[in-house]
Amino acid sequence: MPSSTASRANRLLRRASDHDLSEHFNEVSRQRTADETAAWYQILAEMERRDELTERRAAARERYQATVLGRRFERARPSSTPM
């Protein structure tokens, strides 16, 4: 597959909804031809990319919430500096 065709396919996969991706995966899962096998691997890679992105976003959200909670805790604690 030429590079321009591969990059066009990747762009299409990235824009596809999860439902469309799943349906296309079911269509090519027969793997009777080399093209179907290649499409199967591309779809699997896109699904993994989306899963990893979801996990990274969840981890970032948890870090952000921990930071916000820490700041709130620091502000709520009475200051211990003598006057």
N, C-alpha and C. Protein backbone atom coordinates (compact mmCIF):
# COMPACT_ATOMS: atom_id res chain seq x y z
N MET A 1 0.86 -1.17 0.00
CA MET A 1 0.00 0.00 0.00
C MET A 1 0.90 1.24 0.00
N PRO A 2 0.75 2.14 -0.93
CA PRO A 2 1.55 3.35 -0.96
C PRO A 2 1.30 4.21 0.27
N SER A 3 2.29 5.01 0.59
CA SER A 3 2.23 5.82 1.81
C SER A 3 1.04 6.77 1.82
N SER A 4 0.75 7.42 0.68
CA SER A 4 -0.37 8.36 0.66
C SER A 4 -1.70 7.65 0.88
N THR A 5 -1.82 6.43 0.37
CA THR A 5 -3.04 5.66 0.58
C THR A 5 -3.16 5.26 2.04
N ALA A 6 -2.04 4.87 2.64
CA ALA A 6 -2.05 4.47 4.05
C ALA A 6 -2.42 5.65 4.93
N SER A 7 -1.86 6.82 4.67
CA SER A 7 -2.17 7.97 5.51
C SER A 7 -3.62 8.40 5.32
N ARG A 8 -4.16 8.27 4.10
CA ARG A 8 -5.56 8.61 3.86
C ARG A 8 -6.45 7.63 4.64
N ALA A 9 -6.08 6.35 4.63
CA ALA A 9 -6.85 5.35 5.37
C ALA A 9 -6.81 5.64 6.87
N ASN A 10 -5.64 6.04 7.39
CA ASN A 10 -5.51 6.36 8.81
C ASN A 10 -6.39 7.55 9.18
N ARG A 11 -6.43 8.56 8.30
CA ARG A 11 -7.29 9.72 8.58
C ARG A 11 -8.75 9.30 8.61
N LEU A 12 -9.15 8.43 7.69
CA LEU A 12 -10.54 7.97 7.67
C LEU A 12 -10.86 7.17 8.92
N LEU A 13 -9.94 6.32 9.34
CA LEU A 13 -10.17 5.54 10.54
C LEU A 13 -10.29 6.43 11.77
N ARG A 14 -9.48 7.46 11.84
CA ARG A 14 -9.53 8.36 13.00
C ARG A 14 -10.82 9.13 13.07
N ARG A 15 -11.41 9.44 11.91
CA ARG A 15 -12.67 10.19 11.88
C ARG A 15 -13.88 9.29 12.09
N ALA A 16 -13.73 8.00 11.89
CA ALA A 16 -14.86 7.08 11.99
C ALA A 16 -15.35 6.98 13.43
N SER A 17 -16.65 6.82 13.55
CA SER A 17 -17.21 6.62 14.89
C SER A 17 -16.82 5.22 15.39
N ASP A 18 -16.95 5.01 16.68
CA ASP A 18 -16.67 3.69 17.24
C ASP A 18 -17.58 2.63 16.61
N HIS A 19 -18.82 3.00 16.38
CA HIS A 19 -19.78 2.07 15.78
C HIS A 19 -19.35 1.70 14.35
N ASP A 20 -19.00 2.71 13.55
CA ASP A 20 -18.56 2.45 12.18
C ASP A 20 -17.29 1.60 12.16
N LEU A 21 -16.39 1.89 13.07
CA LEU A 21 -15.14 1.13 13.16
C LEU A 21 -15.44 -0.33 13.49
N SER A 22 -16.36 -0.54 14.41
CA SER A 22 -16.74 -1.89 14.81
C SER A 22 -17.39 -2.65 13.65
N GLU A 23 -18.27 -1.98 12.93
CA GLU A 23 -18.93 -2.63 11.80
C GLU A 23 -17.93 -2.99 10.71
N HIS A 24 -17.01 -2.09 10.42
CA HIS A 24 -16.01 -2.38 9.40
C HIS A 24 -15.10 -3.53 9.86
N PHE A 25 -14.79 -3.55 11.13
CA PHE A 25 -13.98 -4.65 11.69
C PHE A 25 -14.69 -5.99 11.46
N ASN A 26 -15.99 -6.02 11.71
CA ASN A 26 -16.75 -7.25 11.49
C ASN A 26 -16.75 -7.66 10.03
N GLU A 27 -16.79 -6.68 9.12
CA GLU A 27 -16.79 -6.98 7.70
C GLU A 27 -15.47 -7.59 7.24
N VAL A 28 -14.36 -7.08 7.75
CA VAL A 28 -13.05 -7.55 7.27
C VAL A 28 -12.48 -8.67 8.12
N SER A 29 -13.20 -9.07 9.16
CA SER A 29 -12.64 -10.09 10.05
C SER A 29 -12.58 -11.48 9.41
N ARG A 30 -13.17 -11.63 8.24
CA ARG A 30 -13.07 -12.92 7.53
C ARG A 30 -11.62 -13.19 7.12
N GLN A 31 -10.90 -12.14 6.79
CA GLN A 31 -9.48 -12.21 6.41
C GLN A 31 -9.24 -13.19 5.26
N ARG A 32 -10.02 -13.10 4.25
CA ARG A 32 -9.83 -13.98 3.10
C ARG A 32 -8.79 -13.42 2.13
N THR A 33 -8.65 -12.12 2.12
CA THR A 33 -7.68 -11.51 1.20
C THR A 33 -6.64 -10.74 1.99
N ALA A 34 -5.56 -10.42 1.32
CA ALA A 34 -4.50 -9.64 1.95
C ALA A 34 -5.02 -8.25 2.33
N ASP A 35 -5.89 -7.67 1.51
CA ASP A 35 -6.45 -6.35 1.81
C ASP A 35 -7.31 -6.40 3.07
N GLU A 36 -8.10 -7.46 3.22
CA GLU A 36 -8.92 -7.59 4.42
C GLU A 36 -8.06 -7.77 5.66
N THR A 37 -7.00 -8.53 5.52
CA THR A 37 -6.08 -8.72 6.64
C THR A 37 -5.42 -7.40 7.02
N ALA A 38 -4.99 -6.63 6.03
CA ALA A 38 -4.37 -5.33 6.29
C ALA A 38 -5.36 -4.39 6.95
N ALA A 39 -6.61 -4.38 6.47
CA ALA A 39 -7.64 -3.52 7.06
C ALA A 39 -7.91 -3.94 8.49
N TRP A 40 -7.91 -5.24 8.74
CA TRP A 40 -8.15 -5.77 10.09
C TRP A 40 -7.09 -5.24 11.06
N TYR A 41 -5.82 -5.31 10.64
CA TYR A 41 -4.73 -4.81 11.49
C TYR A 41 -4.82 -3.30 11.68
N GLN A 42 -5.20 -2.57 10.64
CA GLN A 42 -5.33 -1.12 10.77
C GLN A 42 -6.44 -0.76 11.77
N ILE A 43 -7.54 -1.47 11.68
CA ILE A 43 -8.66 -1.19 12.59
C ILE A 43 -8.26 -1.54 14.02
N LEU A 44 -7.59 -2.66 14.20
CA LEU A 44 -7.12 -3.02 15.55
C LEU A 44 -6.19 -1.95 16.11
N ALA A 45 -5.28 -1.46 15.28
CA ALA A 45 -4.35 -0.41 15.72
C ALA A 45 -5.11 0.85 16.11
N GLU A 46 -6.13 1.21 15.34
CA GLU A 46 -6.93 2.40 15.66
C GLU A 46 -7.69 2.20 16.96
N MET A 47 -8.25 1.02 17.16
CA MET A 47 -8.96 0.74 18.42
C MET A 47 -8.01 0.83 19.61
N GLU A 48 -6.82 0.30 19.47
CA GLU A 48 -5.82 0.39 20.55
C GLU A 48 -5.41 1.83 20.79
N ARG A 49 -5.24 2.61 19.72
CA ARG A 49 -4.88 4.02 19.86
C ARG A 49 -5.95 4.75 20.65
N ARG A 50 -7.21 4.48 20.34
CA ARG A 50 -8.31 5.14 21.05
C ARG A 50 -8.36 4.72 22.52
N ASP A 51 -8.13 3.43 22.78
CA ASP A 51 -8.11 2.96 24.16
C ASP A 51 -7.00 3.63 24.95
N GLU A 52 -5.81 3.73 24.36
CA GLU A 52 -4.69 4.37 25.04
C GLU A 52 -4.97 5.84 25.28
N LEU A 53 -5.59 6.50 24.31
CA LEU A 53 -5.94 7.91 24.47
C LEU A 53 -6.93 8.09 25.62
N THR A 54 -7.90 7.21 25.70
CA THR A 54 -8.88 7.26 26.79
C THR A 54 -8.19 7.09 28.14
N GLU A 55 -7.26 6.13 28.20
CA GLU A 55 -6.53 5.90 29.46
C GLU A 55 -5.66 7.10 29.83
N ARG A 56 -4.99 7.70 28.84
CA ARG A 56 -4.15 8.87 29.13
C ARG A 56 -4.99 10.04 29.61
N ARG A 57 -6.15 10.22 28.99
CA ARG A 57 -7.04 11.32 29.41
C ARG A 57 -7.55 11.09 30.83
N ALA A 58 -7.90 9.85 31.15
CA ALA A 58 -8.38 9.54 32.50
C ALA A 58 -7.28 9.78 33.53
N ALA A 59 -6.05 9.39 33.20
CA ALA A 59 -4.93 9.61 34.12
C ALA A 59 -4.66 11.11 34.29
N ALA A 60 -4.75 11.86 33.21
CA ALA A 60 -4.54 13.31 33.30
C ALA A 60 -5.64 13.96 34.14
N ARG A 61 -6.87 13.48 33.97
CA ARG A 61 -7.98 14.02 34.76
C ARG A 61 -7.78 13.72 36.24
N GLU A 62 -7.30 12.52 36.56
CA GLU A 62 -7.04 12.17 37.96
C GLU A 62 -5.93 13.04 38.55
N ARG A 63 -4.86 13.27 37.77
CA ARG A 63 -3.77 14.14 38.26
C ARG A 63 -4.28 15.54 38.50
N TYR A 64 -5.11 16.06 37.58
CA TYR A 64 -5.66 17.40 37.73
C TYR A 64 -6.52 17.49 38.98
N GLN A 65 -7.40 16.49 39.17
CA GLN A 65 -8.28 16.50 40.34
C GLN A 65 -7.48 16.41 41.63
N ALA A 66 -6.40 15.63 41.64
CA ALA A 66 -5.55 15.54 42.82
C ALA A 66 -4.88 16.87 43.11
N THR A 67 -4.46 17.56 42.05
CA THR A 67 -3.83 18.87 42.22
C THR A 67 -4.82 19.88 42.79
N VAL A 68 -6.02 19.90 42.23
CA VAL A 68 -7.05 20.83 42.70
C VAL A 68 -7.41 20.52 44.15
N LEU A 69 -7.58 19.25 44.47
CA LEU A 69 -7.91 18.87 45.84
C LEU A 69 -6.79 19.27 46.80
N GLY A 70 -5.54 19.08 46.40
CA GLY A 70 -4.41 19.49 47.23
C GLY A 70 -4.39 20.98 47.48
N ARG A 71 -4.68 21.75 46.44
CA ARG A 71 -4.72 23.21 46.61
C ARG A 71 -5.84 23.63 47.54
N ARG A 72 -7.00 23.00 47.40
CA ARG A 72 -8.13 23.32 48.28
C ARG A 72 -7.78 22.98 49.73
N PHE A 73 -7.14 21.86 49.92
CA PHE A 73 -6.74 21.44 51.25
C PHE A 73 -5.77 22.46 51.86
N GLU A 74 -4.81 22.90 51.07
CA GLU A 74 -3.82 23.88 51.57
C GLU A 74 -4.50 25.20 51.93
N ARG A 75 -5.46 25.63 51.14
CA ARG A 75 -6.15 26.89 51.44
C ARG A 75 -7.06 26.77 52.64
N ALA A 76 -7.62 25.61 52.84
CA ALA A 76 -8.56 25.41 53.96
C ALA A 76 -7.84 25.24 55.28
N ARG A 77 -6.58 24.83 55.25
CA ARG A 77 -5.82 24.64 56.47
C ARG A 77 -5.50 26.00 57.08
N PRO A 78 -5.69 26.14 58.37
CA PRO A 78 -5.35 27.44 59.01
C PRO A 78 -3.83 27.67 58.94
N SER A 79 -3.52 28.88 58.75
CA SER A 79 -2.09 29.24 58.66
C SER A 79 -1.46 29.09 60.04
N SER A 80 -0.27 28.53 60.08
CA SER A 80 0.41 28.29 61.36
C SER A 80 1.51 29.31 61.61
N THR A 81 1.52 30.38 60.84
CA THR A 81 2.57 31.39 61.04
C THR A 81 2.15 32.35 62.16
N PRO A 82 3.04 32.61 63.14
CA PRO A 82 2.70 33.52 64.26
C PRO A 82 2.68 34.97 63.80
N MET A 83 1.85 35.75 64.45
CA MET A 83 1.77 37.18 64.12
C MET A 83 2.40 38.00 65.17
